[in-house]
Amino acid sequence: MANHLRFVGRTVMVQNGNVDAAYGVLNRILAQDGVVEAVRRNRYYEKPSRARRRRAFEACRRVYCAEMARRIAFLARSSRQDPWLGC
């Protein structure tokens, strides 16, 4: 087993011979890293115009999700004053 950080994060140990649980954990790790989508995407040729459109959509989605997470964190902060006092 390699001690490099890149491999340690993707190492799945099989405990008590339970291969199915380890396989599920491995699939979850690969899905979170985006490996599954990359393999499916590279299965067929993607036209350059579609690739540009997909990358632009992914960039917009990242910006939107980051902004929404920032807004939710702002509203859910614990030191927030009550906007409707006495209600």
N, C-alpha and C. Protein backbone atom coordinates (compact mmCIF):
# COMPACT_ATOMS: atom_id res chain seq x y z
N MET A 1 0.85 -1.17 0.00
CA MET A 1 0.00 0.00 0.00
C MET A 1 0.90 1.24 0.00
N ALA A 2 0.61 2.17 -0.88
CA ALA A 2 1.41 3.38 -0.98
C ALA A 2 1.02 4.36 0.13
N ASN A 3 1.99 5.09 0.61
CA ASN A 3 1.73 6.07 1.66
C ASN A 3 1.52 7.46 1.10
N HIS A 4 1.47 7.59 -0.20
CA HIS A 4 1.26 8.89 -0.83
C HIS A 4 -0.18 9.32 -0.58
N LEU A 5 -0.39 10.64 -0.33
CA LEU A 5 -1.72 11.14 0.02
C LEU A 5 -2.74 10.87 -1.07
N ARG A 6 -2.32 10.89 -2.33
CA ARG A 6 -3.25 10.66 -3.43
C ARG A 6 -3.84 9.26 -3.37
N PHE A 7 -3.04 8.30 -2.89
CA PHE A 7 -3.51 6.92 -2.82
C PHE A 7 -4.17 6.60 -1.49
N VAL A 8 -3.76 7.25 -0.43
CA VAL A 8 -4.33 6.96 0.89
C VAL A 8 -5.81 7.34 0.90
N GLY A 9 -6.17 8.44 0.26
CA GLY A 9 -7.56 8.87 0.24
C GLY A 9 -8.45 7.93 -0.55
N ARG A 10 -7.87 7.13 -1.45
CA ARG A 10 -8.66 6.24 -2.28
C ARG A 10 -8.47 4.77 -1.91
N THR A 11 -7.85 4.52 -0.78
CA THR A 11 -7.63 3.15 -0.33
C THR A 11 -8.84 2.70 0.48
N VAL A 12 -9.37 1.54 0.10
CA VAL A 12 -10.53 0.99 0.79
C VAL A 12 -10.13 -0.34 1.39
N MET A 13 -10.31 -0.45 2.69
CA MET A 13 -9.95 -1.68 3.38
C MET A 13 -11.19 -2.57 3.49
N VAL A 14 -11.02 -3.86 3.20
CA VAL A 14 -12.09 -4.84 3.33
C VAL A 14 -12.03 -5.39 4.75
N GLN A 15 -13.13 -5.22 5.49
CA GLN A 15 -13.16 -5.67 6.87
C GLN A 15 -14.07 -6.88 7.00
N ASN A 16 -13.57 -7.91 7.65
CA ASN A 16 -14.31 -9.15 7.91
C ASN A 16 -14.82 -9.79 6.63
N GLY A 17 -14.09 -9.64 5.54
CA GLY A 17 -14.48 -10.27 4.27
C GLY A 17 -15.71 -9.65 3.63
N ASN A 18 -16.11 -8.47 4.06
CA ASN A 18 -17.30 -7.81 3.53
C ASN A 18 -16.91 -6.97 2.31
N VAL A 19 -16.84 -7.65 1.16
CA VAL A 19 -16.40 -7.01 -0.07
C VAL A 19 -17.48 -6.06 -0.60
N ASP A 20 -18.74 -6.39 -0.40
CA ASP A 20 -19.82 -5.55 -0.92
C ASP A 20 -19.80 -4.16 -0.29
N ALA A 21 -19.58 -4.07 1.00
CA ALA A 21 -19.52 -2.78 1.66
C ALA A 21 -18.31 -1.98 1.17
N ALA A 22 -17.18 -2.65 1.01
CA ALA A 22 -15.98 -1.96 0.51
C ALA A 22 -16.19 -1.48 -0.91
N TYR A 23 -16.89 -2.27 -1.72
CA TYR A 23 -17.18 -1.87 -3.10
C TYR A 23 -18.08 -0.64 -3.13
N GLY A 24 -19.05 -0.59 -2.23
CA GLY A 24 -19.92 0.59 -2.14
C GLY A 24 -19.15 1.82 -1.74
N VAL A 25 -18.23 1.68 -0.78
CA VAL A 25 -17.41 2.80 -0.34
C VAL A 25 -16.52 3.28 -1.49
N LEU A 26 -15.94 2.35 -2.23
CA LEU A 26 -15.10 2.71 -3.36
C LEU A 26 -15.90 3.45 -4.44
N ASN A 27 -17.09 2.97 -4.74
CA ASN A 27 -17.93 3.65 -5.72
C ASN A 27 -18.29 5.06 -5.27
N ARG A 28 -18.57 5.24 -4.00
CA ARG A 28 -18.88 6.56 -3.47
C ARG A 28 -17.69 7.50 -3.59
N ILE A 29 -16.49 7.00 -3.28
CA ILE A 29 -15.28 7.81 -3.38
C ILE A 29 -15.04 8.23 -4.83
N LEU A 30 -15.19 7.28 -5.76
CA LEU A 30 -14.97 7.58 -7.17
C LEU A 30 -16.02 8.56 -7.70
N ALA A 31 -17.25 8.45 -7.23
CA ALA A 31 -18.30 9.37 -7.67
C ALA A 31 -18.03 10.78 -7.15
N GLN A 32 -17.57 10.90 -5.91
CA GLN A 32 -17.28 12.21 -5.35
C GLN A 32 -16.10 12.87 -6.05
N ASP A 33 -15.13 12.08 -6.50
CA ASP A 33 -13.98 12.62 -7.20
C ASP A 33 -14.27 12.93 -8.65
N GLY A 34 -15.42 12.49 -9.15
CA GLY A 34 -15.78 12.76 -10.54
C GLY A 34 -15.19 11.79 -11.53
N VAL A 35 -14.64 10.69 -11.06
CA VAL A 35 -14.01 9.72 -11.96
C VAL A 35 -15.07 9.02 -12.81
N VAL A 36 -16.20 8.69 -12.22
CA VAL A 36 -17.25 7.96 -12.93
C VAL A 36 -17.79 8.81 -14.08
N GLU A 37 -18.04 10.10 -13.82
CA GLU A 37 -18.56 10.97 -14.88
C GLU A 37 -17.54 11.16 -15.98
N ALA A 38 -16.26 11.25 -15.62
CA ALA A 38 -15.21 11.42 -16.63
C ALA A 38 -15.11 10.20 -17.53
N VAL A 39 -15.24 9.01 -16.94
CA VAL A 39 -15.17 7.79 -17.74
C VAL A 39 -16.38 7.70 -18.66
N ARG A 40 -17.55 8.01 -18.15
CA ARG A 40 -18.75 7.97 -19.00
C ARG A 40 -18.68 9.02 -20.10
N ARG A 41 -18.14 10.19 -19.77
CA ARG A 41 -18.05 11.26 -20.76
C ARG A 41 -17.05 10.91 -21.86
N ASN A 42 -15.97 10.20 -21.51
CA ASN A 42 -14.95 9.86 -22.49
C ASN A 42 -15.28 8.59 -23.27
N ARG A 43 -16.40 7.98 -22.98
CA ARG A 43 -16.78 6.77 -23.69
C ARG A 43 -17.08 7.06 -25.16
N TYR A 44 -17.66 8.22 -25.43
CA TYR A 44 -18.00 8.62 -26.79
C TYR A 44 -17.35 9.97 -27.08
N TYR A 45 -17.22 10.26 -28.37
CA TYR A 45 -16.64 11.53 -28.79
C TYR A 45 -17.59 12.67 -28.44
N GLU A 46 -17.01 13.73 -27.92
CA GLU A 46 -17.80 14.92 -27.59
C GLU A 46 -17.35 16.05 -28.52
N LYS A 47 -18.30 16.59 -29.25
CA LYS A 47 -17.96 17.67 -30.17
C LYS A 47 -17.42 18.86 -29.39
N PRO A 48 -16.49 19.61 -29.99
CA PRO A 48 -15.90 20.75 -29.27
C PRO A 48 -16.93 21.79 -28.83
N SER A 49 -17.96 22.02 -29.64
CA SER A 49 -18.97 23.00 -29.24
C SER A 49 -19.75 22.51 -28.02
N ARG A 50 -20.05 21.22 -27.99
CA ARG A 50 -20.75 20.66 -26.82
C ARG A 50 -19.85 20.68 -25.59
N ALA A 51 -18.56 20.43 -25.79
CA ALA A 51 -17.63 20.46 -24.66
C ALA A 51 -17.54 21.87 -24.07
N ARG A 52 -17.48 22.89 -24.95
CA ARG A 52 -17.45 24.27 -24.46
C ARG A 52 -18.73 24.60 -23.71
N ARG A 53 -19.85 24.17 -24.25
CA ARG A 53 -21.13 24.46 -23.60
C ARG A 53 -21.23 23.75 -22.25
N ARG A 54 -20.74 22.50 -22.18
CA ARG A 54 -20.76 21.76 -20.92
C ARG A 54 -19.85 22.41 -19.89
N ARG A 55 -18.65 22.82 -20.31
CA ARG A 55 -17.73 23.46 -19.37
C ARG A 55 -18.28 24.80 -18.88
N ALA A 56 -18.92 25.56 -19.76
CA ALA A 56 -19.53 26.83 -19.35
C ALA A 56 -20.66 26.58 -18.36
N PHE A 57 -21.48 25.55 -18.61
CA PHE A 57 -22.56 25.22 -17.69
C PHE A 57 -22.01 24.81 -16.34
N GLU A 58 -20.96 23.98 -16.33
CA GLU A 58 -20.36 23.54 -15.07
C GLU A 58 -19.78 24.72 -14.29
N ALA A 59 -19.16 25.67 -15.01
CA ALA A 59 -18.61 26.85 -14.33
C ALA A 59 -19.72 27.70 -13.74
N CYS A 60 -20.81 27.90 -14.49
CA CYS A 60 -21.95 28.66 -13.97
C CYS A 60 -22.56 27.97 -12.76
N ARG A 61 -22.64 26.66 -12.83
CA ARG A 61 -23.22 25.92 -11.71
C ARG A 61 -22.35 26.03 -10.46
N ARG A 62 -21.02 25.98 -10.64
CA ARG A 62 -20.13 26.15 -9.49
C ARG A 62 -20.30 27.52 -8.85
N VAL A 63 -20.39 28.56 -9.68
CA VAL A 63 -20.56 29.91 -9.15
C VAL A 63 -21.90 30.03 -8.43
N TYR A 64 -22.96 29.50 -9.03
CA TYR A 64 -24.29 29.57 -8.42
C TYR A 64 -24.32 28.83 -7.09
N CYS A 65 -23.76 27.62 -7.06
CA CYS A 65 -23.78 26.83 -5.82
C CYS A 65 -22.95 27.50 -4.73
N ALA A 66 -21.81 28.07 -5.10
CA ALA A 66 -20.98 28.77 -4.11
C ALA A 66 -21.72 29.98 -3.55
N GLU A 67 -22.39 30.72 -4.41
CA GLU A 67 -23.13 31.90 -3.96
C GLU A 67 -24.30 31.50 -3.05
N MET A 68 -25.02 30.45 -3.42
CA MET A 68 -26.14 30.01 -2.59
C MET A 68 -25.64 29.49 -1.25
N ALA A 69 -24.52 28.77 -1.24
CA ALA A 69 -23.96 28.30 0.03
C ALA A 69 -23.55 29.47 0.91
N ARG A 70 -22.99 30.52 0.29
CA ARG A 70 -22.60 31.71 1.05
C ARG A 70 -23.83 32.39 1.65
N ARG A 71 -24.90 32.49 0.88
CA ARG A 71 -26.12 33.13 1.37
C ARG A 71 -26.76 32.30 2.50
N ILE A 72 -26.79 31.00 2.33
CA ILE A 72 -27.38 30.13 3.37
C ILE A 72 -26.56 30.22 4.64
N ALA A 73 -25.24 30.22 4.51
CA ALA A 73 -24.38 30.34 5.69
C ALA A 73 -24.60 31.68 6.38
N PHE A 74 -24.82 32.72 5.58
CA PHE A 74 -25.06 34.05 6.16
C PHE A 74 -26.37 34.07 6.94
N LEU A 75 -27.41 33.47 6.39
CA LEU A 75 -28.70 33.47 7.08
C LEU A 75 -28.74 32.52 8.27
N ALA A 76 -27.95 31.47 8.22
CA ALA A 76 -27.99 30.47 9.28
C ALA A 76 -26.96 30.72 10.37
N ARG A 77 -26.28 31.84 10.34
CA ARG A 77 -25.26 32.08 11.35
C ARG A 77 -25.93 32.24 12.72
N SER A 78 -25.20 31.87 13.75
CA SER A 78 -25.78 31.84 15.10
C SER A 78 -25.85 33.23 15.74
N SER A 79 -25.01 34.17 15.31
CA SER A 79 -25.00 35.50 15.93
C SER A 79 -25.96 36.46 15.24
N ARG A 80 -26.87 35.95 14.44
CA ARG A 80 -27.79 36.78 13.69
C ARG A 80 -28.87 37.35 14.62
N GLN A 81 -29.17 38.64 14.46
CA GLN A 81 -30.23 39.25 15.26
C GLN A 81 -31.59 38.85 14.69
N ASP A 82 -32.56 38.77 15.56
CA ASP A 82 -33.92 38.42 15.14
C ASP A 82 -34.52 39.59 14.35
N PRO A 83 -34.92 39.38 13.08
CA PRO A 83 -35.47 40.50 12.29
C PRO A 83 -36.86 40.92 12.73
N TRP A 84 -37.60 40.05 13.39
CA TRP A 84 -38.96 40.37 13.84
C TRP A 84 -39.00 40.30 15.36
N LEU A 85 -38.60 41.40 16.00
CA LEU A 85 -38.59 41.42 17.46
C LEU A 85 -40.00 41.46 18.01
N GLY A 86 -40.27 40.67 19.02
CA GLY A 86 -41.56 40.67 19.68
C GLY A 86 -42.63 39.86 18.98
N CYS A 87 -42.31 39.13 17.96
CA CYS A 87 -43.33 38.33 17.26
C CYS A 87 -43.33 36.91 17.73
